[in-house]
PDB file of N, CA and C in Angstrom:
ATOM      1  N   MET A   1       0.846  -1.174   0.000  1.00  0.00           N
ATOM      2  CA  MET A   1       0.000   0.000   0.000  1.00  0.00           C
ATOM      3  C   MET A   1       0.892   1.238   0.000  1.00  0.00           C
ATOM      4  N   LYS A   2       0.683   2.132  -0.920  1.00  0.00           N
ATOM      5  CA  LYS A   2       1.458   3.359  -1.028  1.00  0.00           C
ATOM      6  C   LYS A   2       0.705   4.470  -0.318  1.00  0.00           C
ATOM      7  N   ALA A   3       1.396   5.167   0.592  1.00  0.00           N
ATOM      8  CA  ALA A   3       0.765   6.240   1.350  1.00  0.00           C
ATOM      9  C   ALA A   3       0.489   7.441   0.445  1.00  0.00           C
ATOM     10  N   LYS A   4      -0.651   8.066   0.663  1.00  0.00           N
ATOM     11  CA  LYS A   4      -0.969   9.283  -0.062  1.00  0.00           C
ATOM     12  C   LYS A   4      -0.110  10.413   0.481  1.00  0.00           C
ATOM     13  N   ALA A   5       0.214  11.350  -0.369  1.00  0.00           N
ATOM     14  CA  ALA A   5       0.991  12.502   0.064  1.00  0.00           C
ATOM     15  C   ALA A   5       0.040  13.529   0.672  1.00  0.00           C
ATOM     16  N   ASP A   6      -0.310  13.334   1.934  1.00  0.00           N
ATOM     17  CA  ASP A   6      -1.142  14.296   2.634  1.00  0.00           C
ATOM     18  C   ASP A   6      -0.496  14.598   3.968  1.00  0.00           C
ATOM     19  N   SER A   7      -1.086  15.506   4.725  1.00  0.00           N
ATOM     20  CA  SER A   7      -0.487  15.882   6.000  1.00  0.00           C
ATOM     21  C   SER A   7      -1.560  16.176   7.029  1.00  0.00           C
ATOM     22  N   ALA A   8      -1.110  16.242   8.263  1.00  0.00           N
ATOM     23  CA  ALA A   8      -1.990  16.583   9.376  1.00  0.00           C
ATOM     24  C   ALA A   8      -1.184  17.430  10.348  1.00  0.00           C
ATOM     25  N   THR A   9      -1.849  18.243  11.113  1.00  0.00           N
ATOM     26  CA  THR A   9      -1.187  19.063  12.114  1.00  0.00           C
ATOM     27  C   THR A   9      -1.251  18.348  13.456  1.00  0.00           C
ATOM     28  N   ILE A  10      -0.118  18.314  14.153  1.00  0.00           N
ATOM     29  CA  ILE A  10      -0.044  17.685  15.468  1.00  0.00           C
ATOM     30  C   ILE A  10       0.601  18.650  16.439  1.00  0.00           C
ATOM     31  N   SER A  11       0.556  18.323  17.717  1.00  0.00           N
ATOM     32  CA  SER A  11       1.198  19.145  18.748  1.00  0.00           C
ATOM     33  C   SER A  11       2.159  18.285  19.542  1.00  0.00           C
ATOM     34  N   PHE A  12       3.215  18.895  20.040  1.00  0.00           N
ATOM     35  CA  PHE A  12       4.179  18.221  20.897  1.00  0.00           C
ATOM     36  C   PHE A  12       3.857  18.508  22.353  1.00  0.00           C
ATOM     37  N   THR A  13       4.033  17.507  23.214  1.00  0.00           N
ATOM     38  CA  THR A  13       3.872  17.731  24.646  1.00  0.00           C
ATOM     39  C   THR A  13       5.167  18.335  25.187  1.00  0.00           C
ATOM     40  N   ALA A  14       5.184  18.674  26.459  1.00  0.00           N
ATOM     41  CA  ALA A  14       6.383  19.218  27.095  1.00  0.00           C
ATOM     42  C   ALA A  14       7.542  18.231  27.014  1.00  0.00           C
ATOM     43  N   LYS A  15       7.241  16.933  26.953  1.00  0.00           N
ATOM     44  CA  LYS A  15       8.273  15.898  26.857  1.00  0.00           C
ATOM     45  C   LYS A  15       8.651  15.589  25.406  1.00  0.00           C
ATOM     46  N   GLY A  16       8.063  16.282  24.436  1.00  0.00           N
ATOM     47  CA  GLY A  16       8.365  16.033  23.029  1.00  0.00           C
ATOM     48  C   GLY A  16       7.563  14.900  22.432  1.00  0.00           C
ATOM     49  N   GLN A  17       6.534  14.443  23.137  1.00  0.00           N
ATOM     50  CA  GLN A  17       5.709  13.350  22.623  1.00  0.00           C
ATOM     51  C   GLN A  17       4.656  13.898  21.669  1.00  0.00           C
ATOM     52  N   ILE A  18       4.234  13.032  20.737  1.00  0.00           N
ATOM     53  CA  ILE A  18       3.182  13.405  19.794  1.00  0.00           C
ATOM     54  C   ILE A  18       2.171  12.270  19.717  1.00  0.00           C
ATOM     55  N   VAL A  19       1.006  12.586  19.205  1.00  0.00           N
ATOM     56  CA  VAL A  19       0.000  11.565  18.919  1.00  0.00           C
ATOM     57  C   VAL A  19      -0.127  11.486  17.402  1.00  0.00           C
ATOM     58  N   ILE A  20       0.108  10.294  16.861  1.00  0.00           N
ATOM     59  CA  ILE A  20      -0.044  10.078  15.423  1.00  0.00           C
ATOM     60  C   ILE A  20      -1.541   9.988  15.144  1.00  0.00           C
ATOM     61  N   PRO A  21      -2.054  10.762  14.190  1.00  0.00           N
ATOM     62  CA  PRO A  21      -3.490  10.707  13.897  1.00  0.00           C
ATOM     63  C   PRO A  21      -3.961   9.286  13.565  1.00  0.00           C
ATOM     64  N   ARG A  22      -5.185   8.987  13.962  1.00  0.00           N
ATOM     65  CA  ARG A  22      -5.759   7.647  13.818  1.00  0.00           C
ATOM     66  C   ARG A  22      -5.648   7.113  12.391  1.00  0.00           C
ATOM     67  N   ARG A  23      -5.916   7.946  11.397  1.00  0.00           N
ATOM     68  CA  ARG A  23      -5.883   7.447  10.018  1.00  0.00           C
ATOM     69  C   ARG A  23      -4.492   6.933   9.644  1.00  0.00           C
ATOM     70  N   TYR A  24      -3.428   7.579  10.153  1.00  0.00           N
ATOM     71  CA  TYR A  24      -2.072   7.103   9.874  1.00  0.00           C
ATOM     72  C   TYR A  24      -1.752   5.845  10.680  1.00  0.00           C
ATOM     73  N   ARG A  25      -2.233   5.793  11.918  1.00  0.00           N
ATOM     74  CA  ARG A  25      -2.011   4.572  12.728  1.00  0.00           C
ATOM     75  C   ARG A  25      -2.655   3.373  12.052  1.00  0.00           C
ATOM     76  N   ARG A  26      -3.847   3.558  11.512  1.00  0.00           N
ATOM     77  CA  ARG A  26      -4.527   2.456  10.805  1.00  0.00           C
ATOM     78  C   ARG A  26      -3.801   2.102   9.510  1.00  0.00           C
ATOM     79  N   GLU A  27      -3.475   3.112   8.731  1.00  0.00           N
ATOM     80  CA  GLU A  27      -2.842   2.889   7.424  1.00  0.00           C
ATOM     81  C   GLU A  27      -1.495   2.172   7.569  1.00  0.00           C
ATOM     82  N   PHE A  28      -0.723   2.545   8.588  1.00  0.00           N
ATOM     83  CA  PHE A  28       0.610   1.964   8.764  1.00  0.00           C
ATOM     84  C   PHE A  28       0.648   0.873   9.831  1.00  0.00           C
ATOM     85  N   ARG A  29      -0.534   0.479  10.298  1.00  0.00           N
ATOM     86  CA  ARG A  29      -0.672  -0.608  11.287  1.00  0.00           C
ATOM     87  C   ARG A  29       0.199  -0.376  12.529  1.00  0.00           C
ATOM     88  N   ILE A  30       0.077   0.813  13.093  1.00  0.00           N
ATOM     89  CA  ILE A  30       0.820   1.182  14.292  1.00  0.00           C
ATOM     90  C   ILE A  30      -0.052   0.896  15.494  1.00  0.00           C
ATOM     91  N   GLY A  31       0.440   0.050  16.381  1.00  0.00           N
ATOM     92  CA  GLY A  31      -0.284  -0.281  17.595  1.00  0.00           C
ATOM     93  C   GLY A  31       0.515   0.130  18.818  1.00  0.00           C
ATOM     94  N   ALA A  32      -0.055  -0.105  19.989  1.00  0.00           N
ATOM     95  CA  ALA A  32       0.638   0.227  21.241  1.00  0.00           C
ATOM     96  C   ALA A  32       1.962  -0.526  21.293  1.00  0.00           C
ATOM     97  N   GLY A  33       3.022   0.178  21.621  1.00  0.00           N
ATOM     98  CA  GLY A  33       4.333  -0.441  21.746  1.00  0.00           C
ATOM     99  C   GLY A  33       5.122  -0.539  20.452  1.00  0.00           C
ATOM    100  N   THR A  34       4.533  -0.105  19.325  1.00  0.00           N
ATOM    101  CA  THR A  34       5.257  -0.139  18.053  1.00  0.00           C
ATOM    102  C   THR A  34       6.465   0.783  18.159  1.00  0.00           C
ATOM    103  N   ARG A  35       7.621   0.273  17.747  1.00  0.00           N
ATOM    104  CA  ARG A  35       8.837   1.072  17.769  1.00  0.00           C
ATOM    105  C   ARG A  35       8.982   1.767  16.417  1.00  0.00           C
ATOM    106  N   ALA A  36       9.808   2.822  16.374  1.00  0.00           N
ATOM    107  CA  ALA A  36      10.011   3.570  15.145  1.00  0.00           C
ATOM    108  C   ALA A  36      11.450   4.064  15.072  1.00  0.00           C
ATOM    109  N   VAL A  37      11.894   4.319  13.855  1.00  0.00           N
ATOM    110  CA  VAL A  37      13.194   4.927  13.609  1.00  0.00           C
ATOM    111  C   VAL A  37      12.943   6.393  13.301  1.00  0.00           C
ATOM    112  N   VAL A  38      13.684   7.278  13.944  1.00  0.00           N
ATOM    113  CA  VAL A  38      13.544   8.714  13.735  1.00  0.00           C
ATOM    114  C   VAL A  38      14.802   9.200  13.027  1.00  0.00           C
ATOM    115  N   THR A  39      14.618   9.887  11.887  1.00  0.00           N
ATOM    116  CA  THR A  39      15.739  10.345  11.078  1.00  0.00           C
ATOM    117  C   THR A  39      15.586  11.830  10.774  1.00  0.00           C
ATOM    118  N   ALA A  40      16.684  12.573  10.879  1.00  0.00           N
ATOM    119  CA  ALA A  40      16.680  13.981  10.485  1.00  0.00           C
ATOM    120  C   ALA A  40      16.910  14.046   8.988  1.00  0.00           C
ATOM    121  N   THR A  41      16.042  14.755   8.271  1.00  0.00           N
ATOM    122  CA  THR A  41      16.173  14.928   6.821  1.00  0.00           C
ATOM    123  C   THR A  41      16.214  16.424   6.527  1.00  0.00           C
ATOM    124  N   PRO A  42      16.583  16.806   5.308  1.00  0.00           N
ATOM    125  CA  PRO A  42      16.570  18.237   4.973  1.00  0.00           C
ATOM    126  C   PRO A  42      15.182  18.863   5.116  1.00  0.00           C
ATOM    127  N   GLU A  43      14.130  18.032   4.952  1.00  0.00           N
ATOM    128  CA  GLU A  43      12.769  18.547   5.054  1.00  0.00           C
ATOM    129  C   GLU A  43      12.260  18.590   6.486  1.00  0.00           C
ATOM    130  N   GLY A  44      12.880  17.854   7.397  1.00  0.00           N
ATOM    131  CA  GLY A  44      12.421  17.811   8.780  1.00  0.00           C
ATOM    132  C   GLY A  44      12.667  16.445   9.391  1.00  0.00           C
ATOM    133  N   ILE A  45      11.790  16.028  10.275  1.00  0.00           N
ATOM    134  CA  ILE A  45      11.921  14.764  10.990  1.00  0.00           C
ATOM    135  C   ILE A  45      11.097  13.694  10.282  1.00  0.00           C
ATOM    136  N   LEU A  46      11.735  12.564   9.995  1.00  0.00           N
ATOM    137  CA  LEU A  46      11.057  11.431   9.369  1.00  0.00           C
ATOM    138  C   LEU A  46      10.909  10.339  10.423  1.00  0.00           C
ATOM    139  N   ILE A  47       9.688   9.866  10.632  1.00  0.00           N
ATOM    140  CA  ILE A  47       9.407   8.805  11.606  1.00  0.00           C
ATOM    141  C   ILE A  47       8.931   7.586  10.830  1.00  0.00           C
ATOM    142  N   LYS A  48       9.704   6.483  10.916  1.00  0.00           N
ATOM    143  CA  LYS A  48       9.348   5.249  10.209  1.00  0.00           C
ATOM    144  C   LYS A  48       9.004   4.176  11.232  1.00  0.00           C
ATOM    145  N   PRO A  49       7.733   3.767  11.297  1.00  0.00           N
ATOM    146  CA  PRO A  49       7.365   2.719  12.245  1.00  0.00           C
ATOM    147  C   PRO A  49       7.978   1.378  11.865  1.00  0.00           C
ATOM    148  N   LEU A  50       8.416   0.624  12.866  1.00  0.00           N
ATOM    149  CA  LEU A  50       8.966  -0.709  12.644  1.00  0.00           C
ATOM    150  C   LEU A  50       7.868  -1.732  12.905  1.00  0.00           C
ATOM    151  N   THR A  51       6.970  -1.848  11.950  1.00  0.00           N
ATOM    152  CA  THR A  51       5.866  -2.796  12.075  1.00  0.00           C
ATOM    153  C   THR A  51       6.275  -4.119  11.441  1.00  0.00           C
ATOM    154  N   SER A  52       5.501  -5.164  11.674  1.00  0.00           N
ATOM    155  CA  SER A  52       5.814  -6.464  11.074  1.00  0.00           C
ATOM    156  C   SER A  52       5.821  -6.362   9.553  1.00  0.00           C
ATOM    157  N   ARG A  53       4.982  -5.510   9.009  1.00  0.00           N
ATOM    158  CA  ARG A  53       4.943  -5.307   7.559  1.00  0.00           C
ATOM    159  C   ARG A  53       6.241  -4.675   7.067  1.00  0.00           C
ATOM    160  N   ALA A  54       6.741  -3.670   7.794  1.00  0.00           N
ATOM    161  CA  ALA A  54       7.994  -3.014   7.414  1.00  0.00           C
ATOM    162  C   ALA A  54       9.169  -3.975   7.560  1.00  0.00           C
ATOM    163  N   ILE A  55       9.141  -4.782   8.600  1.00  0.00           N
ATOM    164  CA  ILE A  55      10.206  -5.754   8.814  1.00  0.00           C
ATOM    165  C   ILE A  55      10.189  -6.796   7.704  1.00  0.00           C
ATOM    166  N   ALA A  56       9.012  -7.240   7.297  1.00  0.00           N
ATOM    167  CA  ALA A  56       8.896  -8.226   6.221  1.00  0.00           C
ATOM    168  C   ALA A  56       9.445  -7.672   4.911  1.00  0.00           C
ATOM    169  N   ARG A  57       9.230  -6.368   4.645  1.00  0.00           N
ATOM    170  CA  ARG A  57       9.763  -5.754   3.424  1.00  0.00           C
ATOM    171  C   ARG A  57      11.284  -5.746   3.435  1.00  0.00           C
ATOM    172  N   GLY A  58      11.893  -5.622   4.612  1.00  0.00           N
ATOM    173  CA  GLY A  58      13.343  -5.572   4.718  1.00  0.00           C
ATOM    174  C   GLY A  58      13.983  -6.935   4.891  1.00  0.00           C
ATOM    175  N   PHE A  59      13.179  -8.000   5.001  1.00  0.00           N
ATOM    176  CA  PHE A  59      13.712  -9.338   5.224  1.00  0.00           C
ATOM    177  C   PHE A  59      14.636  -9.731   4.081  1.00  0.00           C
ATOM    178  N   GLY A  60      15.813 -10.230   4.427  1.00  0.00           N
ATOM    179  CA  GLY A  60      16.775 -10.660   3.422  1.00  0.00           C
ATOM    180  C   GLY A  60      17.652  -9.537   2.910  1.00  0.00           C
ATOM    181  N   LEU A  61      17.504  -8.347   3.452  1.00  0.00           N
ATOM    182  CA  LEU A  61      18.272  -7.200   3.010  1.00  0.00           C
ATOM    183  C   LEU A  61      19.764  -7.398   3.262  1.00  0.00           C
ATOM    184  N   LEU A  62      20.091  -8.065   4.356  1.00  0.00           N
ATOM    185  CA  LEU A  62      21.488  -8.278   4.711  1.00  0.00           C
ATOM    186  C   LEU A  62      21.912  -9.707   4.405  1.00  0.00           C
ATOM    187  N   LYS A  63      21.744 -10.093   3.173  1.00  0.00           N
ATOM    188  CA  LYS A  63      22.105 -11.444   2.758  1.00  0.00           C
ATOM    189  C   LYS A  63      23.616 -11.603   2.692  1.00  0.00           C
ATOM    190  N   ARG A  64      24.053 -12.857   2.792  1.00  0.00           N
ATOM    191  CA  ARG A  64      25.475 -13.140   2.633  1.00  0.00           C
ATOM    192  C   ARG A  64      25.877 -12.910   1.182  1.00  0.00           C
ATOM    193  N   ASN A  65      27.166 -12.646   0.990  1.00  0.00           N
ATOM    194  CA  ASN A  65      27.698 -12.518  -0.363  1.00  0.00           C
ATOM    195  C   ASN A  65      27.727 -13.880  -1.035  1.00  0.00           C
ATOM    196  N   PRO A  66      27.878 -13.906  -2.354  1.00  0.00           N
ATOM    197  CA  PRO A  66      27.931 -15.185  -3.061  1.00  0.00           C
ATOM    198  C   PRO A  66      29.035 -16.113  -2.552  1.00  0.00           C
ATOM    199  N   ASP A  67      30.102 -15.535  -1.951  1.00  0.00           N
ATOM    200  CA  ASP A  67      31.183 -16.378  -1.443  1.00  0.00           C
ATOM    201  C   ASP A  67      30.774 -17.126  -0.168  1.00  0.00           C
ATOM    202  N   GLY A  68      29.611 -16.802   0.389  1.00  0.00           N
ATOM    203  CA  GLY A  68      29.086 -17.506   1.558  1.00  0.00           C
ATOM    204  C   GLY A  68      29.652 -17.036   2.880  1.00  0.00           C
ATOM    205  N   LYS A  69      30.547 -16.034   2.854  1.00  0.00           N
ATOM    206  CA  LYS A  69      31.149 -15.551   4.099  1.00  0.00           C
ATOM    207  C   LYS A  69      30.220 -14.556   4.783  1.00  0.00           C
ATOM    208  N   SER A  70      30.201 -14.605   6.103  1.00  0.00           N
ATOM    209  CA  SER A  70      29.409 -13.648   6.866  1.00  0.00           C
ATOM    210  C   SER A  70      30.129 -12.308   6.881  1.00  0.00           C
ATOM    211  N   PHE A  71      29.432 -11.281   7.342  1.00  0.00           N
ATOM    212  CA  PHE A  71      30.052  -9.959   7.453  1.00  0.00           C
ATOM    213  C   PHE A  71      31.261 -10.022   8.367  1.00  0.00           C
ATOM    214  N   ALA A  72      31.148 -10.722   9.494  1.00  0.00           N
ATOM    215  CA  ALA A  72      32.260 -10.813  10.448  1.00  0.00           C
ATOM    216  C   ALA A  72      33.481 -11.464   9.797  1.00  0.00           C
ATOM    217  N   GLU A  73      33.258 -12.500   9.006  1.00  0.00           N
ATOM    218  CA  GLU A  73      34.371 -13.170   8.326  1.00  0.00           C
ATOM    219  C   GLU A  73      35.019 -12.241   7.299  1.00  0.00           C
ATOM    220  N   ARG A  74      34.187 -11.519   6.526  1.00  0.00           N
ATOM    221  CA  ARG A  74      34.730 -10.590   5.539  1.00  0.00           C
ATOM    222  C   ARG A  74      35.482  -9.451   6.208  1.00  0.00           C
ATOM    223  N   TRP A  75      34.956  -8.956   7.348  1.00  0.00           N
ATOM    224  CA  TRP A  75      35.615  -7.861   8.056  1.00  0.00           C
ATOM    225  C   TRP A  75      36.963  -8.318   8.616  1.00  0.00           C
ATOM    226  N   ALA A  76      37.027  -9.529   9.173  1.00  0.00           N
ATOM    227  CA  ALA A  76      38.293 -10.059   9.698  1.00  0.00           C
ATOM    228  C   ALA A  76      39.310 -10.191   8.574  1.00  0.00           C
ATOM    229  N   GLU A  77      38.867 -10.657   7.419  1.00  0.00           N
ATOM    230  CA  GLU A  77      39.759 -10.785   6.264  1.00  0.00           C
ATOM    231  C   GLU A  77      40.259  -9.419   5.816  1.00  0.00           C
ATOM    232  N   HIS A  78      39.357  -8.450   5.774  1.00  0.00           N
ATOM    233  CA  HIS A  78      39.723  -7.088   5.402  1.00  0.00           C
ATOM    234  C   HIS A  78      40.762  -6.530   6.380  1.00  0.00           C
ATOM    235  N   THR A  79      40.549  -6.749   7.668  1.00  0.00           N
ATOM    236  CA  THR A  79      41.478  -6.254   8.687  1.00  0.00           C
ATOM    237  C   THR A  79      42.859  -6.878   8.511  1.00  0.00           C
ATOM    238  N   ARG A  80      42.904  -8.185   8.255  1.00  0.00           N
ATOM    239  CA  ARG A  80      44.193  -8.855   8.025  1.00  0.00           C
ATOM    240  C   ARG A  80      44.898  -8.262   6.811  1.00  0.00           C
ATOM    241  N   GLU A  81      44.151  -7.998   5.749  1.00  0.00           N
ATOM    242  CA  GLU A  81      44.740  -7.412   4.545  1.00  0.00           C
ATOM    243  C   GLU A  81      45.282  -6.011   4.821  1.00  0.00           C
ATOM    244  N   GLU A  82      44.554  -5.213   5.587  1.00  0.00           N
ATOM    245  CA  GLU A  82      45.003  -3.864   5.929  1.00  0.00           C
ATOM    246  C   GLU A  82      46.294  -3.905   6.748  1.00  0.00           C
ATOM    247  N   ILE A  83      46.361  -4.822   7.712  1.00  0.00           N
ATOM    248  CA  ILE A  83      47.569  -4.963   8.543  1.00  0.00           C
ATOM    249  C   ILE A  83      48.748  -5.378   7.671  1.00  0.00           C
ATOM    250  N   ALA A  84      48.521  -6.307   6.754  1.00  0.00           N
ATOM    251  CA  ALA A  84      49.591  -6.758   5.857  1.00  0.00           C
ATOM    252  C   ALA A  84      50.085  -5.600   4.989  1.00  0.00           C
ATOM    253  N   LEU A  85      49.170  -4.771   4.500  1.00  0.00           N
ATOM    254  CA  LEU A  85      49.571  -3.617   3.693  1.00  0.00           C
ATOM    255  C   LEU A  85      50.407  -2.640   4.517  1.00  0.00           C
ATOM    256  N   GLU A  86      50.006  -2.381   5.741  1.00  0.00           N
ATOM    257  CA  GLU A  86      50.744  -1.477   6.618  1.00  0.00           C
ATOM    258  C   GLU A  86      52.143  -2.006   6.898  1.00  0.00           C
ATOM    259  N   GLU A  87      52.267  -3.312   7.101  1.00  0.00           N
ATOM    260  CA  GLU A  87      53.560  -3.903   7.411  1.00  0.00           C
ATOM    261  C   GLU A  87      54.501  -3.866   6.217  1.00  0.00           C
ATOM    262  N   ARG A  88      53.958  -3.800   4.990  1.00  0.00           N
ATOM    263  CA  ARG A  88      54.791  -3.750   3.791  1.00  0.00           C
ATOM    264  C   ARG A  88      55.320  -2.353   3.497  1.00  0.00           C
ATOM    265  N   LYS A  89      54.766  -1.337   4.142  1.00  0.00           N
ATOM    266  CA  LYS A  89      55.237   0.029   3.901  1.00  0.00           C
ATOM    267  C   LYS A  89      56.638   0.177   4.475  1.00  0.00           C
ATOM    268  N   PRO A  90      57.500   0.950   3.790  1.00  0.00           N
ATOM    269  CA  PRO A  90      58.870   1.148   4.290  1.00  0.00           C
ATOM    270  C   PRO A  90      58.867   1.752   5.699  1.00  0.00           C
ATOM    271  N   GLY A  91      59.657   1.162   6.570  1.00  0.00           N
ATOM    272  CA  GLY A  91      59.786   1.664   7.939  1.00  0.00           C
ATOM    273  C   GLY A  91      58.611   1.317   8.832  1.00  0.00           C
ATOM    274  N   ARG A  92      57.725   0.447   8.378  1.00  0.00           N
ATOM    275  CA  ARG A  92      56.541   0.109   9.176  1.00  0.00           C
ATOM    276  C   ARG A  92      56.501  -1.353   9.594  1.00  0.00           C
ATOM    277  N   GLY A  93      57.424  -2.134   9.117  1.00  0.00           N
ATOM    278  CA  GLY A  93      57.413  -3.559   9.402  1.00  0.00           C
ATOM    279  C   GLY A  93      57.735  -3.849  10.844  1.00  0.00           C
ATOM    280  N   ILE A  94      57.698  -5.116  11.205  1.00  0.00           N
ATOM    281  CA  ILE A  94      58.007  -5.524  12.568  1.00  0.00           C
ATOM    282  C   ILE A  94      59.457  -5.181  12.851  1.00  0.00           C
ATOM    283  N   GLY A  95      59.714  -4.545  13.982  1.00  0.00           N
ATOM    284  CA  GLY A  95      61.059  -4.181  14.387  1.00  0.00           C
ATOM    285  C   GLY A  95      61.513  -2.836  13.827  1.00  0.00           C
ATOM    286  N   ALA A  96      60.643  -2.148  13.058  1.00  0.00           N
ATOM    287  CA  ALA A  96      61.012  -0.838  12.515  1.00  0.00           C
ATOM    288  C   ALA A  96      60.958   0.193  13.621  1.00  0.00           C
ATOM    289  N   ARG A  97      61.822   1.209  13.471  1.00  0.00           N
ATOM    290  CA  ARG A  97      61.845   2.278  14.487  1.00  0.00           C
ATOM    291  C   ARG A  97      61.372   3.564  13.915  1.00  0.00           C
TER     292      ARG A  97
END
């Protein structure tokens, strides 16, 4: 479901809390306890609810690479390569002063 480009006026409490209008809560399936990501954009504050529907859309986003290595394995390999490159620089090897 694609949200219509419309708006509503809301008010902030002294604690910075807001009430999302009912039509948006229904449209985006926001219930009690729903968590959200808050992002600063050039246009203002963007609030993205983390509903089961939103999570399902993002499922599989962080898939493994075709080589089958996890992120941790790839990062460890990258770190080893960086250390090896540093050690090959003149005056940087083991025992260099």
